[in-house]
Protein backbone atom coordinates (compact mmCIF):
# COMPACT_ATOMS: atom_id res chain seq x y z
CA MET A 1 0.00 0.00 0.00
CA ALA A 2 3.02 2.23 0.58
CA ASP A 3 3.85 1.91 -3.13
CA ASP A 4 0.45 3.35 -4.19
CA PRO A 5 0.94 6.55 -6.23
CA TYR A 6 -2.06 8.27 -4.55
CA PRO A 7 -2.13 10.57 -1.50
CA SER A 8 -2.18 8.46 1.65
CA THR A 9 -4.77 10.68 3.37
CA ILE A 10 -7.37 10.07 0.65
CA ILE A 11 -6.68 6.33 0.77
CA GLN A 12 -7.05 6.27 4.56
CA ILE A 13 -10.38 8.14 4.37
CA ALA A 14 -11.60 5.76 1.65
CA ASN A 15 -10.66 2.73 3.74
CA ILE A 16 -12.53 4.16 6.74
CA LEU A 17 -15.66 4.67 4.63
CA ASN A 18 -15.39 1.25 3.04
CA PRO A 19 -12.86 -1.27 4.47
CA ASN A 20 -13.54 -3.65 1.57
CA LEU A 21 -11.89 -1.41 -1.05
CA ASP A 22 -8.84 -2.82 -2.81
CA SER A 23 -5.98 -1.05 -4.53
CA SER A 24 -7.62 -1.44 -7.96
CA SER A 25 -10.38 0.99 -6.85
CA TYR A 26 -7.96 3.76 -5.96
CA LEU A 27 -7.58 4.97 -9.57
CA TYR A 28 -11.34 5.40 -9.87
CA ILE A 29 -11.57 7.15 -6.48
CA PHE A 30 -8.75 9.57 -7.14
CA GLY A 31 -9.74 10.32 -10.77
CA THR A 32 -13.35 11.01 -9.86
CA LEU A 33 -12.28 13.21 -6.95
CA LEU A 34 -10.18 15.36 -9.28
CA PHE A 35 -13.16 15.65 -11.63
CA LEU A 36 -15.41 16.74 -8.75
CA LEU A 37 -12.88 19.35 -7.64
CA THR A 38 -12.81 20.67 -11.21
CA LEU A 39 -16.61 20.93 -11.21
CA ILE A 40 -16.56 22.84 -7.91
CA PHE A 41 -13.97 25.22 -9.35
CA LEU A 42 -16.11 25.83 -12.47
CA SER A 43 -19.19 26.39 -10.31
CA SER A 44 -17.30 28.95 -8.26
CA LEU A 45 -16.21 30.76 -11.45
CA PHE A 46 -19.78 31.00 -12.75
CA SER A 47 -21.08 32.21 -9.41
CA ALA A 48 -18.30 34.76 -8.99
CA SER A 49 -18.73 36.08 -12.53
CA GLU A 50 -22.45 36.70 -11.97
CA ASN A 51 -21.79 38.88 -8.92
CA ALA A 52 -18.76 40.57 -10.46
CA LEU A 53 -20.33 41.54 -13.79
CA PHE A 54 -23.62 42.80 -12.40
CA SER A 55 -21.96 44.81 -9.62
CA LEU A 56 -19.74 46.88 -11.92
CA SER A 57 -20.33 50.59 -11.41
CA ALA A 58 -20.82 53.17 -14.17
CA LYS A 59 -17.27 54.42 -13.48
CA ASP A 60 -15.86 50.89 -13.92
CA LYS A 61 -17.57 50.62 -17.30
CA GLU A 62 -16.35 54.06 -18.35
CA ASP A 63 -12.78 53.12 -17.38
CA MET A 64 -13.00 49.91 -19.45
CA LYS A 65 -14.35 51.86 -22.40
CA ALA A 66 -11.57 54.44 -22.11
CA SER A 67 -8.79 51.81 -21.75
CA ASP A 68 -10.01 50.00 -24.90
CA THR A 69 -8.47 46.62 -23.96
CA PRO A 70 -9.66 43.27 -25.40
CA THR A 71 -10.92 42.03 -22.02
CA GLY A 72 -12.57 45.34 -21.21
CA ASN A 73 -14.34 45.41 -24.58
CA ALA A 74 -15.44 41.80 -24.03
CA VAL A 75 -16.96 42.74 -20.67
CA LEU A 76 -18.86 45.65 -22.26
CA LYS A 77 -20.09 43.37 -25.02
CA LEU A 78 -21.43 40.90 -22.45
CA LEU A 79 -23.17 43.65 -20.46
CA SER A 80 -24.80 45.06 -23.59
CA HIS A 81 -27.18 42.06 -23.49
CA PRO A 82 -27.77 41.49 -19.74
CA LYS A 83 -30.59 38.94 -20.16
CA LYS A 84 -28.47 36.85 -22.52
CA LEU A 85 -25.51 37.09 -20.13
CA LEU A 86 -27.56 36.05 -17.10
CA ALA A 87 -29.10 33.13 -18.99
CA THR A 88 -25.63 31.95 -20.05
CA ILE A 89 -24.30 32.07 -16.49
CA LEU A 90 -27.34 30.26 -15.10
CA VAL A 91 -27.25 27.54 -17.75
CA GLY A 92 -23.52 26.98 -17.25
CA ASN A 93 -23.71 27.06 -13.47
CA ASN A 94 -26.70 24.71 -13.27
CA PHE A 95 -25.13 22.31 -15.77
CA VAL A 96 -21.99 22.13 -13.63
CA ASN A 97 -23.92 21.80 -10.35
CA VAL A 98 -26.22 19.04 -11.64
CA THR A 99 -23.20 17.18 -13.00
CA PHE A 100 -21.47 17.52 -9.62
CA VAL A 101 -24.50 16.12 -7.75
CA ILE A 102 -24.91 13.15 -10.12
CA VAL A 103 -21.21 12.24 -10.22
CA SER A 104 -20.75 12.65 -6.46
CA SER A 105 -23.80 10.43 -5.78
CA VAL A 106 -22.47 7.66 -8.03
CA TRP A 107 -18.97 8.06 -6.62
CA LEU A 108 -20.12 7.89 -3.01
CA GLU A 109 -22.34 4.91 -3.78
CA GLU A 110 -19.25 3.15 -5.05
CA ILE A 111 -16.89 3.92 -2.16
CA LEU A 112 -19.26 3.81 0.83
CA ASP A 113 -19.70 0.61 2.78
CA PRO A 114 -23.06 -1.01 1.86
CA ASN A 115 -23.55 -1.90 5.53
CA MET A 116 -23.16 1.70 6.72
CA ASN A 117 -25.80 3.20 8.99
CA ASP A 118 -28.63 4.80 6.97
CA TYR A 119 -28.47 8.13 8.80
CA PHE A 120 -24.72 8.37 8.31
CA ASP A 121 -25.14 7.43 4.65
CA PHE A 122 -27.77 10.20 4.23
CA ALA A 123 -25.58 12.74 6.03
CA ILE A 124 -22.68 12.11 3.64
CA LYS A 125 -24.63 11.80 0.36
CA VAL A 126 -27.02 14.73 0.87
CA ILE A 127 -25.97 17.08 3.64
CA LEU A 128 -22.22 17.01 3.04
CA VAL A 129 -22.52 17.28 -0.75
CA THR A 130 -25.02 20.17 -0.48
CA LEU A 131 -22.85 21.97 2.06
CA ILE A 132 -19.74 21.66 -0.13
CA LEU A 133 -21.66 22.89 -3.20
CA LEU A 134 -23.17 25.88 -1.41
CA LEU A 135 -20.03 26.88 0.47
CA PHE A 136 -17.39 26.50 -2.24
CA GLY A 137 -19.60 26.86 -5.31
CA GLU A 138 -21.80 29.78 -4.26
CA VAL A 139 -21.15 31.66 -1.01
CA ILE A 140 -17.35 32.05 -0.91
CA PRO A 141 -17.00 32.90 -4.65
CA LYS A 142 -19.75 35.56 -4.48
CA VAL A 143 -18.29 37.17 -1.38
CA TYR A 144 -14.87 37.28 -3.03
CA ALA A 145 -16.34 38.62 -6.29
CA THR A 146 -17.79 41.71 -4.63
CA LYS A 147 -14.26 42.80 -3.66
CA ARG A 148 -12.57 41.84 -6.96
CA ASN A 149 -15.41 42.49 -9.42
CA VAL A 150 -13.30 44.23 -12.09
CA SER A 151 -10.52 41.63 -12.24
CA ILE A 152 -12.94 38.66 -12.18
CA SER A 153 -15.11 40.26 -14.87
CA LYS A 154 -12.13 40.64 -17.17
CA PHE A 155 -10.85 37.13 -16.34
CA MET A 156 -14.21 35.53 -17.19
CA SER A 157 -15.11 37.70 -20.19
CA PHE A 158 -13.76 35.44 -22.95
CA PRO A 159 -14.87 32.15 -21.31
CA LEU A 160 -18.39 33.55 -21.00
CA LEU A 161 -18.42 34.68 -24.64
CA PHE A 162 -17.45 31.11 -25.55
CA CYS A 163 -20.24 29.76 -23.30
CA GLN A 164 -22.76 32.02 -25.01
CA ARG A 165 -22.00 30.25 -28.29
CA LEU A 166 -21.76 26.83 -26.66
CA PHE A 167 -25.12 27.12 -24.86
CA GLY A 168 -26.77 29.22 -27.54
CA PHE A 169 -29.39 26.57 -28.30
CA LEU A 170 -30.62 26.92 -24.69
CA VAL A 171 -29.89 30.61 -24.03
CA HIS A 172 -31.85 32.08 -26.96
CA PRO A 173 -35.16 30.31 -26.14
CA MET A 174 -34.78 31.28 -22.47
CA VAL A 175 -34.26 34.96 -23.33
CA ARG A 176 -37.27 34.98 -25.65
CA PHE A 177 -39.45 33.25 -23.08
CA THR A 178 -38.46 35.62 -20.27
CA THR A 179 -39.08 38.62 -22.58
CA ILE A 180 -42.63 37.38 -23.26
CA ILE A 181 -43.27 36.83 -19.55
CA ASP A 182 -41.83 40.28 -18.76
CA ARG A 183 -44.20 41.93 -21.24
CA ARG A 184 -47.20 40.08 -19.81
CA VAL A 185 -46.26 41.09 -16.27
CA ARG A 186 -45.87 44.74 -17.28
CA ILE A 187 -49.29 44.75 -18.94
CA HIS A 188 -50.97 43.57 -15.74
CA GLU A 189 -48.67 45.54 -13.47
CA HIS A 190 -50.48 47.81 -11.03
CA THR A 191 -49.38 51.42 -11.23
CA VAL A 192 -49.83 53.56 -8.17
CA SER A 193 -51.90 56.65 -8.93
CA ALA A 194 -51.26 60.13 -7.53
CA ASP A 195 -54.49 59.87 -5.51
CA GLU A 196 -53.28 56.64 -3.89
CA LEU A 197 -49.95 58.22 -2.99
CA THR A 198 -51.70 61.28 -1.57
CA HIS A 199 -53.94 59.01 0.50
CA ALA A 200 -50.87 57.08 1.67
CA ILE A 201 -49.28 60.35 2.85
CA ASP A 202 -52.41 61.15 4.87
CA ILE A 203 -52.67 57.77 6.58
CA THR A 204 -48.95 57.43 7.32
CA SER A 205 -48.55 60.91 8.79
CA ASN A 206 -48.51 61.27 12.56
CA GLU A 207 -48.49 64.03 15.11
CA HIS A 208 -44.78 64.64 14.43
CA THR A 209 -45.43 65.34 10.75
CA GLY A 210 -46.23 69.01 10.23
CA GLN A 211 -49.00 70.24 7.93
CA GLN A 212 -46.46 72.03 5.75
CA GLU A 213 -44.43 68.85 5.32
CA ARG A 214 -47.54 66.93 4.26
CA GLU A 215 -48.47 69.64 1.77
CA ILE A 216 -44.97 69.59 0.28
CA LEU A 217 -45.11 65.81 -0.13
CA LYS A 218 -48.53 66.05 -1.79
CA GLY A 219 -47.21 68.78 -4.06
CA ILE A 220 -44.33 66.54 -5.16
CA VAL A 221 -46.74 63.64 -5.85
CA SER A 222 -49.04 65.73 -8.07
CA PHE A 223 -46.22 67.77 -9.62
CA GLY A 224 -45.79 65.66 -12.75
CA SER A 225 -49.51 65.59 -13.60
CA LYS A 226 -50.15 69.34 -13.62
CA THR A 227 -50.07 71.44 -16.78
CA VAL A 228 -48.98 75.00 -17.44
CA ARG A 229 -52.61 76.08 -17.90
CA GLN A 230 -53.36 75.10 -14.28
CA ILE A 231 -50.73 77.40 -12.75
CA MET A 232 -50.29 80.23 -15.28
CA LYS A 233 -51.33 83.86 -14.77
CA GLY A 234 -54.01 84.87 -17.30
CA ARG A 235 -53.32 87.66 -19.78
CA VAL A 236 -55.77 90.05 -18.10
CA ASP A 237 -53.62 89.92 -14.95
CA VAL A 238 -50.25 90.19 -16.69
CA ALA A 239 -48.27 93.42 -16.30
CA ALA A 240 -46.85 93.91 -19.81
CA LEU A 241 -45.21 96.87 -21.56
CA ASP A 242 -45.91 98.38 -24.96
CA VAL A 243 -42.72 98.63 -26.95
CA GLN A 244 -43.81 101.98 -28.43
CA ILE A 245 -43.97 103.95 -25.17
CA PRO A 246 -41.17 106.47 -24.44
CA PHE A 247 -38.28 105.49 -22.23
CA ASN A 248 -39.21 107.66 -19.22
CA GLU A 249 -42.84 106.45 -19.28
CA MET A 250 -41.57 102.88 -19.33
CA LEU A 251 -39.34 103.62 -16.31
CA SER A 252 -42.32 105.05 -14.42
CA LYS A 253 -44.43 101.95 -15.06
CA VAL A 254 -41.59 99.60 -14.10
CA ASN A 255 -41.00 101.54 -10.88
CA GLU A 256 -44.72 101.59 -10.08
CA ILE A 257 -45.33 97.87 -10.66
CA GLY A 258 -42.08 96.63 -9.12
CA TYR A 259 -41.50 93.39 -11.04
CA SER A 260 -38.05 92.21 -12.12
CA ARG A 261 -39.05 91.20 -15.68
CA PHE A 262 -41.84 92.20 -18.08
CA PRO A 263 -43.25 90.77 -21.30
CA VAL A 264 -43.08 93.41 -24.03
CA TYR A 265 -45.61 93.52 -26.87
CA GLU A 266 -46.17 95.50 -30.04
CA ASP A 267 -49.77 96.68 -30.69
CA THR A 268 -51.42 93.79 -28.77
CA PHE A 269 -50.45 91.17 -26.21
CA ASP A 270 -50.74 88.53 -28.96
CA ASN A 271 -47.60 90.02 -30.52
CA ILE A 272 -44.93 89.51 -27.85
CA VAL A 273 -41.57 90.82 -29.06
CA GLY A 274 -39.41 89.94 -26.06
CA ILE A 275 -38.79 90.06 -22.31
CA LEU A 276 -37.39 93.11 -20.52
CA TYR A 277 -35.12 92.35 -17.57
CA ILE A 278 -34.92 95.28 -15.15
CA LYS A 279 -31.21 94.68 -14.54
CA GLU A 280 -30.62 95.57 -18.20
CA ILE A 281 -32.09 99.07 -17.59
CA LEU A 282 -29.81 99.99 -14.69
CA PRO A 283 -26.83 101.19 -16.81
CA HIS A 284 -29.22 103.42 -18.83
CA LEU A 285 -31.24 105.16 -16.11
CA TYR A 286 -30.12 108.65 -17.21
CA GLU A 287 -30.78 108.22 -20.92
CA THR A 288 -33.07 110.68 -22.71
CA ASP A 289 -36.71 110.01 -23.54
CA ASP A 290 -35.90 108.96 -27.12
CA PHE A 291 -33.59 106.14 -25.99
CA GLU A 292 -34.32 102.93 -27.99
CA TRP A 293 -34.92 100.65 -25.02
CA LYS A 294 -36.20 97.96 -27.41
CA SER A 295 -32.54 96.98 -27.89
CA LEU A 296 -32.47 95.75 -24.27
CA LEU A 297 -35.09 93.04 -24.86
CA LYS A 298 -34.23 89.36 -24.57
CA PRO A 299 -35.92 86.60 -26.62
CA ALA A 300 -39.08 85.18 -25.02
CA LEU A 301 -39.69 81.49 -24.34
CA PHE A 302 -43.06 80.27 -25.65
CA VAL A 303 -44.69 77.14 -24.21
CA PRO A 304 -48.00 75.39 -24.98
CA ASP A 305 -50.70 75.54 -22.33
CA ASN A 306 -50.90 71.72 -22.10
CA LYS A 307 -47.20 71.26 -21.30
CA ARG A 308 -46.50 69.47 -18.02
CA ILE A 309 -44.86 71.71 -15.45
CA ASP A 310 -42.11 69.19 -14.66
CA LEU A 311 -41.01 69.43 -18.31
CA LEU A 312 -41.28 73.22 -18.17
CA LEU A 313 -38.99 73.24 -15.14
CA SER A 314 -36.41 71.34 -17.20
CA ASP A 315 -36.80 73.91 -20.00
CA PHE A 316 -36.26 76.76 -17.54
CA GLN A 317 -33.10 75.09 -16.23
CA GLU A 318 -31.79 74.39 -19.72
CA GLU A 319 -32.55 77.85 -21.12
CA ARG A 320 -31.61 79.59 -17.84
CA MET A 321 -34.89 81.53 -17.87
CA HIS A 322 -37.54 82.27 -15.24
CA MET A 323 -40.52 83.30 -17.38
CA ALA A 324 -42.37 81.88 -20.37
CA ILE A 325 -45.26 83.08 -22.53
CA VAL A 326 -48.16 80.59 -22.61
CA VAL A 327 -49.79 80.00 -25.99
CA ASP A 328 -52.82 77.97 -27.08
CA GLU A 329 -53.06 75.60 -30.05
CA TYR A 330 -53.78 78.52 -32.41
CA GLY A 331 -50.83 80.61 -31.26
CA GLY A 332 -52.89 83.00 -29.15
CA LYS A 333 -51.21 84.33 -26.03
CA LEU A 334 -53.00 83.11 -22.88
CA GLY A 335 -50.71 84.57 -20.23
CA ILE A 336 -47.38 83.92 -18.54
CA VAL A 337 -45.88 81.29 -16.24
CA THR A 338 -42.82 81.79 -14.05
CA MET A 339 -40.36 79.70 -12.09
CA GLU A 340 -42.04 80.95 -8.92
CA ASP A 341 -45.39 79.57 -10.10
CA ILE A 342 -43.82 76.13 -10.52
CA LEU A 343 -42.07 76.13 -7.15
CA GLU A 344 -45.25 77.25 -5.39
CA GLU A 345 -46.92 74.01 -6.55
CA ILE A 346 -44.50 72.15 -4.27
CA PHE A 347 -43.69 74.55 -1.45
CA GLY A 348 -46.88 76.62 -1.35
CA GLU A 349 -47.15 80.39 -1.62
CA ILE A 350 -43.76 82.11 -1.87
CA ASN A 351 -43.64 85.78 -0.90
CA ASP A 352 -40.52 87.91 -1.09
CA GLU A 353 -39.93 91.25 0.63
CA PHE A 354 -41.61 93.12 -2.23
CA ASP A 355 -44.80 91.04 -2.37
CA GLU A 356 -47.98 92.36 -0.86
CA GLU A 357 -50.15 90.08 1.23
CA PRO A 358 -52.44 88.30 -1.22
CA LEU A 359 -56.11 89.25 -0.97
CA SER A 360 -57.52 86.64 -3.37
CA TYR A 361 -59.89 85.28 -0.70
CA SER A 362 -61.13 85.74 2.84
CA LYS A 363 -62.76 83.16 5.09
CA ILE A 364 -65.92 84.38 6.79
CA ASP A 365 -66.53 81.23 8.84
CA HIS A 366 -65.96 77.49 8.52
CA ASN A 367 -68.12 77.16 5.36
CA LYS A 368 -68.22 80.67 3.82
CA TYR A 369 -65.60 82.39 1.66
CA ILE A 370 -65.24 85.57 -0.35
CA ILE A 371 -62.97 84.83 -3.32
CA GLU A 372 -61.75 86.60 -6.42
CA GLY A 373 -63.09 85.31 -9.72
CA LYS A 374 -59.57 84.86 -11.11
CA MET A 375 -58.70 82.34 -8.38
CA LEU A 376 -57.60 79.06 -9.92
CA ILE A 377 -59.87 76.07 -9.36
CA ASN A 378 -56.85 74.16 -8.09
CA ASP A 379 -56.19 76.84 -5.43
CA PHE A 380 -59.84 76.94 -4.40
CA CYS A 381 -59.85 73.17 -3.90
CA LYS A 382 -56.90 73.57 -1.55
CA ILE A 383 -58.44 76.26 0.65
CA SER A 384 -61.84 74.51 0.76
CA GLN A 385 -60.21 71.09 1.36
CA THR A 386 -61.89 69.59 -1.70
CA GLU A 387 -60.52 66.88 -4.01
CA ASP A 388 -58.56 68.33 -6.96
CA ASP A 389 -60.84 66.63 -9.51
CA PHE A 390 -64.15 67.63 -7.84
CA PHE A 391 -65.08 70.16 -10.56
CA ASP A 392 -63.60 68.30 -13.55
CA GLN A 393 -67.00 67.29 -14.97
CA VAL A 394 -68.29 70.88 -15.17
CA LYS A 395 -65.27 73.14 -15.60
CA GLY A 396 -64.72 72.41 -19.30
CA ASP A 397 -61.56 74.23 -20.41
CA ALA A 398 -61.78 76.77 -17.58
CA GLU A 399 -59.01 77.02 -15.00
CA SER A 400 -60.45 79.79 -12.80
CA ILE A 401 -63.54 79.81 -10.60
CA ALA A 402 -65.05 82.59 -12.73
CA GLY A 403 -64.52 80.55 -15.89
CA MET A 404 -66.09 77.47 -14.30
CA ILE A 405 -69.16 79.48 -13.20
CA MET A 406 -69.63 80.74 -16.76
CA GLU A 407 -69.36 77.14 -18.00
CA LEU A 408 -72.09 76.16 -15.50
CA HIS A 409 -74.32 79.17 -16.23
CA GLY A 410 -73.71 79.43 -19.96
CA LYS A 411 -73.14 83.21 -19.80
CA ILE A 412 -71.75 85.96 -17.55
CA PRO A 413 -74.10 86.10 -14.54
CA VAL A 414 -75.40 89.36 -13.11
CA ARG A 415 -74.67 90.76 -9.66
CA ASN A 416 -76.32 88.88 -6.74
CA GLU A 417 -77.15 85.92 -8.99
CA THR A 418 -76.51 82.51 -7.39
CA ILE A 419 -75.20 79.41 -9.20
CA ILE A 420 -75.36 76.08 -7.34
CA TYR A 421 -73.24 73.00 -7.98
CA LYS A 422 -73.72 70.10 -5.56
CA GLN A 423 -72.91 71.42 -2.05
CA PHE A 424 -71.35 74.66 -3.39
CA SER A 425 -73.38 77.86 -3.73
CA PHE A 426 -71.67 80.66 -5.74
CA THR A 427 -73.18 84.16 -5.35
CA ILE A 428 -71.82 86.90 -7.65
CA GLU A 429 -70.84 89.98 -5.63
CA SER A 430 -68.99 91.98 -8.28
CA VAL A 431 -69.07 91.65 -12.08
CA ASP A 432 -68.68 93.75 -15.21
CA ASN A 433 -69.44 93.07 -18.86
CA ARG A 434 -66.13 91.24 -19.31
CA ARG A 435 -65.56 89.08 -16.24
CA ILE A 436 -66.63 88.01 -12.78
CA LYS A 437 -64.59 89.86 -10.16
CA ARG A 438 -65.71 88.69 -6.72
CA ILE A 439 -67.78 85.69 -5.52
CA LYS A 440 -69.29 84.60 -2.24
CA VAL A 441 -69.06 80.83 -1.74
CA VAL A 442 -71.17 78.87 0.73
CA ILE A 443 -70.48 75.18 1.30
CA GLU A 444 -73.57 73.32 2.57
């Protein structure tokens, strides 16, 4: 036995497991053991490569792209088709693991003593084999791969490309099948609505959550669904300048109104020629009355009234502007929208040191209000604690309370006339031949 060319430790273990083994069985024992060790090594490589490749950061990928090495390019090629890559790794890893289980079962059946205790036999064939496979084929390689993901990814790039071709007959059907399943799942996937998120904010808030915090969260939830038309300032309320007025008259108006930027029109508001920034006037304060202040105008940004305000915010950031002219589908000018209008949808009313206290409404008691006709329906819903979509069925294209009342009534109502919609009673307190100015609202 001393002349046997095999490691003595393995032979001693084999003799303990089965005393009836002879020297002719040692070749089979040792050869199969080497094969099993090879399978464990391959399993560890597949497991490590899965963790390594899918944990690469964007910087790692950029570095590989910049270095332009064969292994780096191979890694990027693999990651360009992640489903195909994952299917290849899973097929290869499962093929190796199944082979390991089958071979180890046959091998242990051959070397174990037939008279061995059943519990001990089960512990070796099932528990020990599973433990070895999990520990050395899955856990240790994946832990190691998280620390050496770049080097392992490069090391396994070409072998995995070869495996993609080798297992192509299995990988391609798997990818197609998972794509079909993914599409079906997305079709039936439940999307959370803004109303559901708003309700979730209400029910998850506690006494430590302030009212302002809740309102900000609700504003963020509904931010992406609101359009420019819902937050804009109508043209009748816009302070605009006629490009034809003399320089000193323009200065007087600017000083009287106190805004930092003004839309400038020629003849009518429908013909906006630019935006005047007050900072552009400062170097020319002592110019004569015939100064051509039109040269100070900046190009205006025009946006459609149905544009979402989250997209408008991106436009403002990209163009580095704070004001836009709102147009309808026919090119008519509806009003203006500013950066402040957008931010107020999240943070609520924003007043600077030059703003006067808004007088758009006053609350008489818990169910009576005096409001201005130009108040937006969205704002009225907030102060009356009504759902945002409460008036959707009757408002038509109107965005203000006055516009909604005219939609309900079919014409401009007269003073003291009352229009009722569900629990809301609207009594006209001030009106002219053009618009409703002030309304008394009673909520039954």
